Amino acid sequence: MADQRRNNFIEIKLPGCTVFLLPAEVNRLLLLDQELFAEAIRRGKAILRRRNEEKRREKRCR
């Protein structure tokens, strides 16, 4: 179990420190601020769309 938890950490680099949280801990923190959670989801969707679009463009250029 300890080995499994060690591999599931999410590394967050902040000015002056690096934080390691488990996914459940990140979820708990985000649930404390629903607006932040919603913004993070919107941002994530936009980033993933952009990545997928870039991959499609790369495939077309080959």
C-alpha atoms as a PDB file:
ATOM      1  CA  MET A   1       0.000   0.000   0.000  1.00  0.00           C
ATOM      2  CA  ALA A   2       2.785   2.442   0.889  1.00  0.00           C
ATOM      3  CA  ASP A   3       4.477   1.842  -2.486  1.00  0.00           C
ATOM      4  CA  GLN A   4       1.183   2.419  -4.293  1.00  0.00           C
ATOM      5  CA  ARG A   5       0.517   5.710  -2.470  1.00  0.00           C
ATOM      6  CA  ARG A   6       4.058   6.921  -3.157  1.00  0.00           C
ATOM      7  CA  ASN A   7       3.490   6.673  -6.911  1.00  0.00           C
ATOM      8  CA  ASN A   8       0.142   8.477  -6.868  1.00  0.00           C
ATOM      9  CA  PHE A   9       1.365  11.796  -5.523  1.00  0.00           C
ATOM     10  CA  ILE A  10       0.664  14.953  -7.489  1.00  0.00           C
ATOM     11  CA  GLU A  11       3.642  17.297  -7.458  1.00  0.00           C
ATOM     12  CA  ILE A  12       2.781  20.987  -7.256  1.00  0.00           C
ATOM     13  CA  LYS A  13       5.625  23.483  -7.569  1.00  0.00           C
ATOM     14  CA  LEU A  14       4.990  26.740  -5.746  1.00  0.00           C
ATOM     15  CA  PRO A  15       7.288  29.700  -5.172  1.00  0.00           C
ATOM     16  CA  GLY A  16       9.657  28.607  -2.429  1.00  0.00           C
ATOM     17  CA  CYS A  17       8.414  25.018  -2.052  1.00  0.00           C
ATOM     18  CA  THR A  18       7.155  21.882  -3.719  1.00  0.00           C
ATOM     19  CA  VAL A  19       4.000  20.221  -2.384  1.00  0.00           C
ATOM     20  CA  PHE A  20       3.109  16.545  -2.847  1.00  0.00           C
ATOM     21  CA  LEU A  21      -0.562  15.660  -2.429  1.00  0.00           C
ATOM     22  CA  LEU A  22      -2.611  12.551  -3.061  1.00  0.00           C
ATOM     23  CA  PRO A  23      -5.451  12.904  -5.585  1.00  0.00           C
ATOM     24  CA  ALA A  24      -8.033  12.616  -2.787  1.00  0.00           C
ATOM     25  CA  GLU A  25      -6.329  15.451  -0.907  1.00  0.00           C
ATOM     26  CA  VAL A  26      -6.388  17.696  -3.987  1.00  0.00           C
ATOM     27  CA  ASN A  27     -10.061  16.860  -4.463  1.00  0.00           C
ATOM     28  CA  ARG A  28     -10.817  17.743  -0.819  1.00  0.00           C
ATOM     29  CA  LEU A  29      -9.088  21.094  -1.189  1.00  0.00           C
ATOM     30  CA  LEU A  30     -10.916  21.909  -4.414  1.00  0.00           C
ATOM     31  CA  LEU A  31     -14.271  21.023  -2.862  1.00  0.00           C
ATOM     32  CA  LEU A  32     -13.700  23.747  -0.287  1.00  0.00           C
ATOM     33  CA  ASP A  33     -13.939  26.362  -3.058  1.00  0.00           C
ATOM     34  CA  GLN A  34     -16.534  25.426  -5.680  1.00  0.00           C
ATOM     35  CA  GLU A  35     -15.683  28.409  -7.913  1.00  0.00           C
ATOM     36  CA  LEU A  36     -12.013  27.425  -7.976  1.00  0.00           C
ATOM     37  CA  PHE A  37     -12.981  23.829  -8.733  1.00  0.00           C
ATOM     38  CA  ALA A  38     -15.170  24.951 -11.663  1.00  0.00           C
ATOM     39  CA  GLU A  39     -12.415  27.218 -13.018  1.00  0.00           C
ATOM     40  CA  ALA A  40      -9.860  24.400 -12.761  1.00  0.00           C
ATOM     41  CA  ILE A  41     -12.166  22.085 -14.709  1.00  0.00           C
ATOM     42  CA  ARG A  42     -12.738  24.712 -17.445  1.00  0.00           C
ATOM     43  CA  ARG A  43      -8.996  25.378 -17.647  1.00  0.00           C
ATOM     44  CA  GLY A  44      -8.233  21.664 -17.832  1.00  0.00           C
ATOM     45  CA  LYS A  45     -10.711  21.124 -20.653  1.00  0.00           C
ATOM     46  CA  ALA A  46      -9.212  24.008 -22.630  1.00  0.00           C
ATOM     47  CA  ILE A  47      -5.660  22.748 -22.148  1.00  0.00           C
ATOM     48  CA  LEU A  48      -6.579  19.198 -23.190  1.00  0.00           C
ATOM     49  CA  ARG A  49      -8.439  20.488 -26.294  1.00  0.00           C
ATOM     50  CA  ARG A  50      -5.387  22.534 -27.278  1.00  0.00           C
ATOM     51  CA  ARG A  51      -3.053  19.545 -26.826  1.00  0.00           C
ATOM     52  CA  ASN A  52      -5.290  17.299 -28.917  1.00  0.00           C
ATOM     53  CA  GLU A  53      -5.531  19.932 -31.640  1.00  0.00           C
ATOM     54  CA  GLU A  54      -1.736  20.281 -31.741  1.00  0.00           C
ATOM     55  CA  LYS A  55      -1.359  16.488 -32.033  1.00  0.00           C
ATOM     56  CA  ARG A  56      -3.821  16.433 -34.953  1.00  0.00           C
ATOM     57  CA  ARG A  57      -1.921  19.240 -36.692  1.00  0.00           C
ATOM     58  CA  GLU A  58       1.368  17.373 -36.265  1.00  0.00           C
ATOM     59  CA  LYS A  59      -0.149  14.238 -37.811  1.00  0.00           C
ATOM     60  CA  ARG A  60      -1.464  16.226 -40.794  1.00  0.00           C
ATOM     61  CA  CYS A  61       1.940  17.821 -41.439  1.00  0.00           C
ATOM     62  CA  ARG A  62       3.736  14.490 -41.669  1.00  0.00           C
END
